[in-house]
Amino acid sequence: MKASFWGIALAVAAAVFVVLNVTGLGGRNCAVVAVSHDEAVPENLAPTFDVTTLAGERLQFPDDYKGKVVLVDFWATWCPPCRAEIPGLIEAHGRYHQDGFDVVGLTLDRYRGVSRDTVQRFLRDQKVTWPQVYENAEKIAAAYGVTGIPAAFLVDGDTGEIIAQGRDVLGHSLPRTIEQALRAAN
């Protein structure tokens, strides 16, 4: 009887954990399911990608960003912490863009069945102006080792080196990290 009780209790706890993390109610990150990626990428180098953006333009990363410091931002419209990051990203993009900072967004909405029209409408409403990747974003996320969002990587566009990631490129830490990266690049 005791073993049965603890088995049920453990199953319920696991289910609650999954629900809270998938819905974004369980903390700072939203859970995503990682897709396997077989190519080995050196730990400090950002995986490259060649995709078409939501605007229909070809984007070759990092080749298209020579001379820039780029935030590769994994997010989704259904992720409350991701949406909370948007005003700070808009402010940072406006403040540092002329100094060589740029952003590439990779939305994991397709993975959850959110249409590209819905994502485009959301981006317009939020006044997000940087390129967004919709198709194959989940494969790119797997290449970066993303298991929860928001997830961001600050990358040197010349070398492809990951300069910073995690908490250093989220929230109030982002401006300081961008400034340090831009100083180091010049």
C-alpha atoms as a PDB file:
ATOM      1  CA  MET A   1       0.000   0.000   0.000  1.00  0.00           C
ATOM      2  CA  LYS A   2       2.800   2.452   0.926  1.00  0.00           C
ATOM      3  CA  ALA A   3       4.701   1.809  -2.317  1.00  0.00           C
ATOM      4  CA  SER A   4       1.535   2.382  -4.316  1.00  0.00           C
ATOM      5  CA  PHE A   5       0.881   5.700  -2.546  1.00  0.00           C
ATOM      6  CA  TRP A   6       4.405   6.976  -3.202  1.00  0.00           C
ATOM      7  CA  GLY A   7       4.248   5.860  -6.838  1.00  0.00           C
ATOM      8  CA  ILE A   8       1.044   7.822  -7.346  1.00  0.00           C
ATOM      9  CA  ALA A   9       2.440  10.826  -5.456  1.00  0.00           C
ATOM     10  CA  LEU A  10       5.555  10.815  -7.623  1.00  0.00           C
ATOM     11  CA  ALA A  11       3.490  10.555 -10.821  1.00  0.00           C
ATOM     12  CA  VAL A  12       1.285  13.480  -9.747  1.00  0.00           C
ATOM     13  CA  ALA A  13       4.318  15.600  -8.824  1.00  0.00           C
ATOM     14  CA  ALA A  14       5.929  14.878 -12.194  1.00  0.00           C
ATOM     15  CA  ALA A  15       2.722  15.766 -14.029  1.00  0.00           C
ATOM     16  CA  VAL A  16       2.411  19.068 -12.135  1.00  0.00           C
ATOM     17  CA  PHE A  17       6.056  19.884 -12.900  1.00  0.00           C
ATOM     18  CA  VAL A  18       5.541  19.249 -16.623  1.00  0.00           C
ATOM     19  CA  VAL A  19       2.312  21.271 -16.770  1.00  0.00           C
ATOM     20  CA  LEU A  20       3.849  24.235 -14.935  1.00  0.00           C
ATOM     21  CA  ASN A  21       6.952  24.292 -17.102  1.00  0.00           C
ATOM     22  CA  VAL A  22       5.228  23.745 -20.442  1.00  0.00           C
ATOM     23  CA  THR A  23       2.652  26.453 -19.739  1.00  0.00           C
ATOM     24  CA  GLY A  24       5.269  28.881 -18.481  1.00  0.00           C
ATOM     25  CA  LEU A  25       3.677  29.113 -15.050  1.00  0.00           C
ATOM     26  CA  GLY A  26       6.446  27.237 -13.281  1.00  0.00           C
ATOM     27  CA  GLY A  27       9.226  29.780 -13.367  1.00  0.00           C
ATOM     28  CA  ARG A  28      11.461  31.871 -15.548  1.00  0.00           C
ATOM     29  CA  ASN A  29      11.699  29.493 -18.516  1.00  0.00           C
ATOM     30  CA  CYS A  30       9.237  27.705 -20.773  1.00  0.00           C
ATOM     31  CA  ALA A  31      10.050  24.100 -21.591  1.00  0.00           C
ATOM     32  CA  VAL A  32      10.709  22.957 -25.118  1.00  0.00           C
ATOM     33  CA  VAL A  33      11.386  19.499 -26.418  1.00  0.00           C
ATOM     34  CA  ALA A  34      14.881  19.259 -27.840  1.00  0.00           C
ATOM     35  CA  VAL A  35      15.311  17.750 -31.274  1.00  0.00           C
ATOM     36  CA  SER A  36      18.405  15.592 -31.657  1.00  0.00           C
ATOM     37  CA  HIS A  37      21.316  17.091 -33.520  1.00  0.00           C
ATOM     38  CA  ASP A  38      24.160  14.896 -34.699  1.00  0.00           C
ATOM     39  CA  GLU A  39      26.745  17.466 -35.816  1.00  0.00           C
ATOM     40  CA  ALA A  40      29.429  18.242 -33.267  1.00  0.00           C
ATOM     41  CA  VAL A  41      29.952  21.969 -32.781  1.00  0.00           C
ATOM     42  CA  PRO A  42      32.810  23.312 -30.665  1.00  0.00           C
ATOM     43  CA  GLU A  43      31.403  24.596 -27.386  1.00  0.00           C
ATOM     44  CA  ASN A  44      32.414  28.214 -27.920  1.00  0.00           C
ATOM     45  CA  LEU A  45      31.277  28.470 -31.562  1.00  0.00           C
ATOM     46  CA  ALA A  46      27.720  29.254 -32.536  1.00  0.00           C
ATOM     47  CA  PRO A  47      26.175  26.741 -34.925  1.00  0.00           C
ATOM     48  CA  THR A  48      25.734  28.252 -38.364  1.00  0.00           C
ATOM     49  CA  PHE A  49      22.443  28.291 -40.254  1.00  0.00           C
ATOM     50  CA  ASP A  50      21.123  29.282 -43.652  1.00  0.00           C
ATOM     51  CA  VAL A  51      17.369  29.964 -43.593  1.00  0.00           C
ATOM     52  CA  THR A  52      14.565  32.094 -44.955  1.00  0.00           C
ATOM     53  CA  THR A  53      13.115  34.649 -42.544  1.00  0.00           C
ATOM     54  CA  LEU A  54       9.434  35.352 -41.965  1.00  0.00           C
ATOM     55  CA  ALA A  55       9.889  38.318 -44.321  1.00  0.00           C
ATOM     56  CA  GLY A  56      11.025  35.920 -47.069  1.00  0.00           C
ATOM     57  CA  GLU A  57      14.680  36.999 -47.034  1.00  0.00           C
ATOM     58  CA  ARG A  58      17.641  34.641 -46.962  1.00  0.00           C
ATOM     59  CA  LEU A  59      19.661  34.769 -43.741  1.00  0.00           C
ATOM     60  CA  GLN A  60      23.098  33.166 -43.473  1.00  0.00           C
ATOM     61  CA  PHE A  61      24.324  33.217 -39.912  1.00  0.00           C
ATOM     62  CA  PRO A  62      26.884  34.413 -38.954  1.00  0.00           C
ATOM     63  CA  ASP A  63      28.135  35.331 -42.455  1.00  0.00           C
ATOM     64  CA  ASP A  64      25.541  38.118 -42.872  1.00  0.00           C
ATOM     65  CA  TYR A  65      26.665  39.741 -39.619  1.00  0.00           C
ATOM     66  CA  LYS A  66      30.359  40.495 -40.182  1.00  0.00           C
ATOM     67  CA  GLY A  67      31.451  43.444 -38.033  1.00  0.00           C
ATOM     68  CA  LYS A  68      28.485  43.017 -35.669  1.00  0.00           C
ATOM     69  CA  VAL A  69      27.690  41.605 -32.274  1.00  0.00           C
ATOM     70  CA  VAL A  70      24.493  39.565 -32.631  1.00  0.00           C
ATOM     71  CA  LEU A  71      21.976  38.285 -30.121  1.00  0.00           C
ATOM     72  CA  VAL A  72      20.539  34.963 -31.297  1.00  0.00           C
ATOM     73  CA  ASP A  73      17.225  34.891 -29.428  1.00  0.00           C
ATOM     74  CA  PHE A  74      15.065  31.755 -29.069  1.00  0.00           C
ATOM     75  CA  TRP A  75      11.522  32.599 -27.986  1.00  0.00           C
ATOM     76  CA  ALA A  76       7.796  31.965 -28.611  1.00  0.00           C
ATOM     77  CA  THR A  77       4.550  33.925 -28.402  1.00  0.00           C
ATOM     78  CA  TRP A  78       3.122  31.370 -25.924  1.00  0.00           C
ATOM     79  CA  CYS A  79       6.012  31.855 -23.474  1.00  0.00           C
ATOM     80  CA  PRO A  80       5.290  34.542 -20.826  1.00  0.00           C
ATOM     81  CA  PRO A  81       8.973  35.054 -19.878  1.00  0.00           C
ATOM     82  CA  CYS A  82       9.818  35.449 -23.582  1.00  0.00           C
ATOM     83  CA  ARG A  83       7.153  38.110 -24.003  1.00  0.00           C
ATOM     84  CA  ALA A  84       8.484  39.860 -20.896  1.00  0.00           C
ATOM     85  CA  GLU A  85      11.938  40.117 -22.549  1.00  0.00           C
ATOM     86  CA  ILE A  86      10.640  41.904 -25.663  1.00  0.00           C
ATOM     87  CA  PRO A  87      10.555  45.509 -24.341  1.00  0.00           C
ATOM     88  CA  GLY A  88      14.167  45.228 -23.160  1.00  0.00           C
ATOM     89  CA  LEU A  89      15.247  43.749 -26.488  1.00  0.00           C
ATOM     90  CA  ILE A  90      13.506  46.552 -28.389  1.00  0.00           C
ATOM     91  CA  GLU A  91      15.214  49.132 -26.176  1.00  0.00           C
ATOM     92  CA  ALA A  92      18.642  47.487 -26.552  1.00  0.00           C
ATOM     93  CA  HIS A  93      18.241  47.145 -30.315  1.00  0.00           C
ATOM     94  CA  GLY A  94      17.302  50.808 -30.649  1.00  0.00           C
ATOM     95  CA  ARG A  95      20.111  51.960 -28.358  1.00  0.00           C
ATOM     96  CA  TYR A  96      23.002  49.835 -29.689  1.00  0.00           C
ATOM     97  CA  HIS A  97      22.085  49.016 -33.295  1.00  0.00           C
ATOM     98  CA  GLN A  98      24.041  51.958 -34.723  1.00  0.00           C
ATOM     99  CA  ASP A  99      27.089  50.762 -32.746  1.00  0.00           C
ATOM    100  CA  GLY A 100      27.074  47.311 -34.351  1.00  0.00           C
ATOM    101  CA  PHE A 101      24.530  45.334 -32.321  1.00  0.00           C
ATOM    102  CA  ASP A 102      21.841  43.263 -34.007  1.00  0.00           C
ATOM    103  CA  VAL A 103      19.280  40.609 -33.113  1.00  0.00           C
ATOM    104  CA  VAL A 104      18.105  37.471 -34.900  1.00  0.00           C
ATOM    105  CA  GLY A 105      14.907  35.985 -33.467  1.00  0.00           C
ATOM    106  CA  LEU A 106      14.094  32.296 -33.754  1.00  0.00           C
ATOM    107  CA  THR A 107      10.503  31.628 -32.806  1.00  0.00           C
ATOM    108  CA  LEU A 108       9.583  28.150 -31.627  1.00  0.00           C
ATOM    109  CA  ASP A 109       5.902  28.795 -32.312  1.00  0.00           C
ATOM    110  CA  ARG A 110       5.688  26.415 -35.263  1.00  0.00           C
ATOM    111  CA  TYR A 111       6.590  23.586 -32.879  1.00  0.00           C
ATOM    112  CA  ARG A 112       3.358  24.357 -30.958  1.00  0.00           C
ATOM    113  CA  GLY A 113       1.203  24.825 -34.053  1.00  0.00           C
ATOM    114  CA  VAL A 114       1.071  28.636 -33.942  1.00  0.00           C
ATOM    115  CA  SER A 115       0.686  29.910 -37.508  1.00  0.00           C
ATOM    116  CA  ARG A 116       3.190  32.205 -39.173  1.00  0.00           C
ATOM    117  CA  ASP A 117       0.381  34.785 -39.648  1.00  0.00           C
ATOM    118  CA  THR A 118      -0.234  34.815 -35.892  1.00  0.00           C
ATOM    119  CA  VAL A 119       3.490  35.275 -35.230  1.00  0.00           C
ATOM    120  CA  GLN A 120       3.758  38.066 -37.810  1.00  0.00           C
ATOM    121  CA  ARG A 121       0.751  39.853 -36.299  1.00  0.00           C
ATOM    122  CA  PHE A 122       2.289  39.523 -32.812  1.00  0.00           C
ATOM    123  CA  LEU A 123       5.613  40.951 -34.038  1.00  0.00           C
ATOM    124  CA  ARG A 124       3.860  43.891 -35.728  1.00  0.00           C
ATOM    125  CA  ASP A 125       1.851  44.618 -32.569  1.00  0.00           C
ATOM    126  CA  GLN A 126       5.027  44.517 -30.462  1.00  0.00           C
ATOM    127  CA  LYS A 127       6.947  46.630 -33.017  1.00  0.00           C
ATOM    128  CA  VAL A 128       9.726  44.041 -33.366  1.00  0.00           C
ATOM    129  CA  THR A 129      11.841  44.948 -36.397  1.00  0.00           C
ATOM    130  CA  TRP A 130      14.726  42.448 -36.498  1.00  0.00           C
ATOM    131  CA  PRO A 131      14.700  39.289 -38.647  1.00  0.00           C
ATOM    132  CA  GLN A 132      12.699  36.308 -37.390  1.00  0.00           C
ATOM    133  CA  VAL A 133      13.131  32.642 -38.259  1.00  0.00           C
ATOM    134  CA  TYR A 134      10.001  30.459 -38.165  1.00  0.00           C
ATOM    135  CA  GLU A 135      10.782  27.406 -40.323  1.00  0.00           C
ATOM    136  CA  ASN A 136      13.386  25.015 -38.866  1.00  0.00           C
ATOM    137  CA  ALA A 137      13.849  27.099 -35.712  1.00  0.00           C
ATOM    138  CA  GLU A 138      13.435  23.978 -33.561  1.00  0.00           C
ATOM    139  CA  LYS A 139      16.332  22.262 -35.385  1.00  0.00           C
ATOM    140  CA  ILE A 140      18.517  25.309 -34.871  1.00  0.00           C
ATOM    141  CA  ALA A 141      17.489  25.395 -31.195  1.00  0.00           C
ATOM    142  CA  ALA A 142      18.632  21.780 -30.867  1.00  0.00           C
ATOM    143  CA  ALA A 143      21.973  22.654 -32.453  1.00  0.00           C
ATOM    144  CA  TYR A 144      22.409  25.357 -29.799  1.00  0.00           C
ATOM    145  CA  GLY A 145      21.405  22.935 -27.039  1.00  0.00           C
ATOM    146  CA  VAL A 146      18.292  24.922 -26.110  1.00  0.00           C
ATOM    147  CA  THR A 147      16.004  23.061 -23.696  1.00  0.00           C
ATOM    148  CA  GLY A 148      13.988  26.005 -22.368  1.00  0.00           C
ATOM    149  CA  ILE A 149      13.100  29.504 -23.492  1.00  0.00           C
ATOM    150  CA  PRO A 150      13.833  32.335 -23.437  1.00  0.00           C
ATOM    151  CA  ALA A 151      17.349  31.375 -24.433  1.00  0.00           C
ATOM    152  CA  ALA A 152      19.803  33.765 -26.012  1.00  0.00           C
ATOM    153  CA  PHE A 153      23.392  33.742 -27.216  1.00  0.00           C
ATOM    154  CA  LEU A 154      25.514  36.817 -27.912  1.00  0.00           C
ATOM    155  CA  VAL A 155      27.727  36.010 -30.887  1.00  0.00           C
ATOM    156  CA  ASP A 156      30.676  37.746 -32.548  1.00  0.00           C
ATOM    157  CA  GLY A 157      29.599  38.028 -36.193  1.00  0.00           C
ATOM    158  CA  ASP A 158      33.205  37.967 -37.417  1.00  0.00           C
ATOM    159  CA  THR A 159      34.339  34.795 -35.665  1.00  0.00           C
ATOM    160  CA  GLY A 160      31.068  33.035 -34.787  1.00  0.00           C
ATOM    161  CA  GLU A 161      32.296  32.815 -31.191  1.00  0.00           C
ATOM    162  CA  ILE A 162      29.651  32.778 -28.457  1.00  0.00           C
ATOM    163  CA  ILE A 163      30.565  35.763 -26.283  1.00  0.00           C
ATOM    164  CA  ALA A 164      27.853  35.369 -23.635  1.00  0.00           C
ATOM    165  CA  GLN A 165      24.711  33.385 -22.908  1.00  0.00           C
ATOM    166  CA  GLY A 166      22.191  32.608 -20.206  1.00  0.00           C
ATOM    167  CA  ARG A 167      21.430  35.246 -17.601  1.00  0.00           C
ATOM    168  CA  ASP A 168      24.138  37.565 -18.948  1.00  0.00           C
ATOM    169  CA  VAL A 169      22.005  38.230 -22.037  1.00  0.00           C
ATOM    170  CA  LEU A 170      18.573  38.406 -20.431  1.00  0.00           C
ATOM    171  CA  GLY A 171      16.742  41.118 -18.539  1.00  0.00           C
ATOM    172  CA  HIS A 172      18.691  43.895 -16.857  1.00  0.00           C
ATOM    173  CA  SER A 173      22.063  42.246 -17.597  1.00  0.00           C
ATOM    174  CA  LEU A 174      21.697  42.568 -21.370  1.00  0.00           C
ATOM    175  CA  PRO A 175      22.767  46.236 -21.815  1.00  0.00           C
ATOM    176  CA  ARG A 176      25.947  45.772 -19.744  1.00  0.00           C
ATOM    177  CA  THR A 177      26.840  42.611 -21.680  1.00  0.00           C
ATOM    178  CA  ILE A 178      26.234  44.319 -25.048  1.00  0.00           C
ATOM    179  CA  GLU A 179      28.387  47.300 -24.037  1.00  0.00           C
ATOM    180  CA  GLN A 180      31.249  45.015 -22.964  1.00  0.00           C
ATOM    181  CA  ALA A 181      31.031  43.036 -26.217  1.00  0.00           C
ATOM    182  CA  LEU A 182      30.953  46.159 -28.384  1.00  0.00           C
ATOM    183  CA  ARG A 183      33.982  47.629 -26.536  1.00  0.00           C
ATOM    184  CA  ALA A 184      35.901  44.373 -27.018  1.00  0.00           C
ATOM    185  CA  ALA A 185      34.998  44.269 -30.715  1.00  0.00           C
ATOM    186  CA  ASN A 186      36.346  47.782 -31.392  1.00  0.00           C
END
